[in-house]
Protein backbone atom coordinates (compact mmCIF):
# COMPACT_ATOMS: atom_id res chain seq x y z
CA UNK A 1 -0.08 -0.25 0.67
CA UNK A 2 1.27 3.65 -0.49
CA UNK A 3 1.07 6.67 1.38
CA UNK A 4 -2.42 7.20 0.57
CA UNK A 5 -3.50 3.84 0.71
CA UNK A 6 -2.27 3.01 4.03
CA UNK A 7 -4.11 6.03 5.95
CA UNK A 8 -7.32 5.30 4.22
CA UNK A 9 -6.70 1.46 5.76
CA UNK A 10 -5.90 2.86 8.95
CA UNK A 11 -9.15 5.15 9.21
CA UNK A 12 -11.74 2.35 7.46
CA UNK A 13 -10.38 -0.57 8.95
CA UNK A 14 -11.84 -0.18 12.79
CA UNK A 15 -15.37 0.53 11.04
CA UNK A 16 -15.83 -2.37 9.28
CA UNK A 17 -14.49 -4.16 12.34
CA UNK A 18 -17.83 -2.91 14.32
CA UNK A 19 -19.79 -4.74 11.52
CA UNK A 20 -17.72 -7.53 11.68
CA UNK A 21 -15.32 -7.76 8.36
CA UNK A 22 -11.93 -7.42 8.39
CA UNK A 23 -10.33 -5.14 5.84
CA UNK A 24 -7.12 -6.60 4.23
CA UNK A 25 -5.96 -4.50 1.36
CA UNK A 26 -6.65 -1.07 0.03
CA UNK A 27 -6.29 -0.08 -3.64
CA UNK A 28 -6.17 3.01 -4.75
CA UNK A 29 -5.21 4.57 -8.39
CA UNK A 30 -2.68 6.88 -8.99
CA UNK A 31 -3.81 10.31 -6.82
CA UNK A 32 -2.69 13.54 -8.30
CA UNK A 33 -1.72 15.41 -5.20
CA UNK A 34 -4.25 18.03 -5.91
CA UNK A 35 -7.40 18.96 -4.04
CA UNK A 36 -10.09 18.83 -4.08
CA UNK A 37 -10.45 15.30 -5.04
CA UNK A 38 -12.27 12.15 -5.06
CA UNK A 39 -11.28 8.56 -5.77
CA UNK A 40 -12.51 4.84 -6.37
CA UNK A 41 -10.62 2.50 -3.97
CA UNK A 42 -10.97 -1.24 -3.96
CA UNK A 43 -10.87 -3.06 -1.14
CA UNK A 44 -10.75 -6.27 -0.04
CA UNK A 45 -12.94 -7.33 2.66
CA UNK A 46 -12.58 -10.90 4.03
CA UNK A 47 -12.06 -12.38 0.29
CA UNK A 48 -14.52 -9.96 -1.00
CA UNK A 49 -14.10 -7.28 -3.06
CA UNK A 50 -16.10 -3.83 -2.36
CA UNK A 51 -15.50 -0.07 -3.54
CA UNK A 52 -14.41 2.66 -1.00
CA UNK A 53 -15.18 6.20 -1.89
CA UNK A 54 -12.30 8.51 -0.63
CA UNK A 55 -12.87 12.47 -0.77
CA UNK A 56 -9.41 14.63 -0.40
CA UNK A 57 -9.89 18.17 0.73
CA UNK A 58 -7.80 20.81 1.70
CA UNK A 59 -7.65 21.41 5.83
CA UNK A 60 -6.76 23.77 8.10
CA UNK A 61 -2.97 24.64 7.87
CA UNK A 62 -3.02 23.84 3.75
CA UNK A 63 -2.78 20.68 4.69
CA UNK A 64 -4.48 17.36 3.27
CA UNK A 65 -7.56 16.00 4.99
CA UNK A 66 -9.92 13.10 3.88
CA UNK A 67 -12.76 10.91 4.41
CA UNK A 68 -13.18 7.14 3.00
CA UNK A 69 -16.24 4.96 3.64
CA UNK A 70 -16.97 1.79 1.92
CA UNK A 71 -19.54 2.75 -0.87
CA UNK A 72 -20.43 -0.76 -2.40
CA UNK A 73 -20.02 -4.09 -2.98
CA UNK A 74 -20.23 -5.87 0.68
CA UNK A 75 -23.14 -7.53 2.89
CA UNK A 76 -21.69 -7.88 6.51
CA UNK A 77 -23.17 -11.36 7.88
CA UNK A 78 -22.77 -10.25 11.70
CA UNK A 79 -25.36 -7.18 10.26
CA UNK A 80 -27.73 -9.57 8.91
CA UNK A 81 -27.75 -11.74 11.58
CA UNK A 82 -28.61 -8.88 13.98
CA UNK A 83 -31.12 -7.28 11.77
CA UNK A 84 -33.15 -10.31 11.53
CA UNK A 85 -32.28 -11.40 15.64
CA UNK A 86 -34.10 -7.11 15.79
CA UNK A 87 -37.12 -8.66 13.54
CA UNK A 88 -37.54 -11.40 16.12
CA UNK A 89 -36.30 -14.29 14.76
CA UNK A 90 -33.50 -16.74 17.58
CA UNK A 91 -30.94 -19.37 16.65
CA UNK A 92 -29.85 -17.08 13.74
CA UNK A 93 -27.14 -19.34 11.75
CA UNK A 94 -25.85 -17.70 8.17
CA UNK A 95 -23.17 -19.81 7.98
CA UNK A 96 -19.21 -19.17 8.50
CA UNK A 97 -18.62 -16.89 5.26
CA UNK A 98 -18.35 -12.98 6.91
CA UNK A 99 -19.08 -11.16 4.14
CA UNK A 100 -20.71 -11.63 0.34
CA UNK A 101 -20.57 -9.50 -2.52
CA UNK A 102 -23.33 -6.87 -2.76
CA UNK A 103 -24.37 -8.24 -6.21
CA UNK A 104 -28.05 -7.51 -7.09
CA UNK A 105 -30.03 -10.85 -6.49
CA UNK A 106 -27.47 -13.07 -4.73
CA UNK A 107 -29.18 -14.80 -1.94
CA UNK A 108 -27.75 -15.98 1.91
CA UNK A 109 -30.10 -18.07 3.28
CA UNK A 110 -30.29 -18.59 7.22
CA UNK A 111 -31.91 -20.73 9.43
CA UNK A 112 -33.88 -19.29 12.21
CA UNK A 113 -36.52 -20.44 15.07
CA UNK A 114 -39.16 -18.72 14.81
CA UNK A 115 -41.61 -19.13 17.60
CA UNK A 116 -39.60 -22.01 18.91
CA UNK A 117 -40.12 -23.55 14.87
CA UNK A 118 -37.09 -23.85 13.08
CA UNK A 119 -37.32 -22.50 9.34
CA UNK A 120 -35.63 -20.95 7.00
CA UNK A 121 -35.11 -17.21 5.97
CA UNK A 122 -33.78 -16.12 2.17
CA UNK A 123 -31.98 -12.68 2.39
CA UNK A 124 -31.52 -11.23 -1.44
CA UNK A 125 -29.62 -8.58 -2.30
CA UNK A 126 -31.35 -5.70 -3.99
CA UNK A 127 -28.85 -3.25 -4.61
CA UNK A 128 -25.09 -2.79 -4.73
CA UNK A 129 -24.84 -1.03 -1.35
CA UNK A 130 -26.11 -4.18 0.23
CA UNK A 131 -29.27 -3.72 0.79
CA UNK A 132 -31.59 -7.10 1.13
CA UNK A 133 -35.13 -8.09 1.37
CA UNK A 134 -35.45 -10.69 3.74
CA UNK A 135 -38.11 -13.97 3.03
CA UNK A 136 -38.86 -16.20 5.56
CA UNK A 137 -40.23 -20.10 4.44
């Protein structure tokens, strides 16, 4: 990682850890050094490639400041489990995969308990931002 990618990784990694994800690597295109600037970088998150948006601007005192966030590409399994538990399911198990690529139509099957009855739910990715629609069976 270069002099831009390292600080992006340092800032973004703890945010993703809060979602149960591990940021493995950040790969950004060459930055011209001018500000303001916006870059689309790739992030390798638990074996899945996602997109990171980076905005660079002039900070106080003339230095460069930036913000970075995961823009597209990843569904965090831990967040999906939390959502299902919040909707009243118990014993939620969505498998050992930490993250899935947010590809439209991707289906994630989870086993759950609903009113003490074993069941399954399917989370279908509805957009590249990682939003899912939940259907139970």
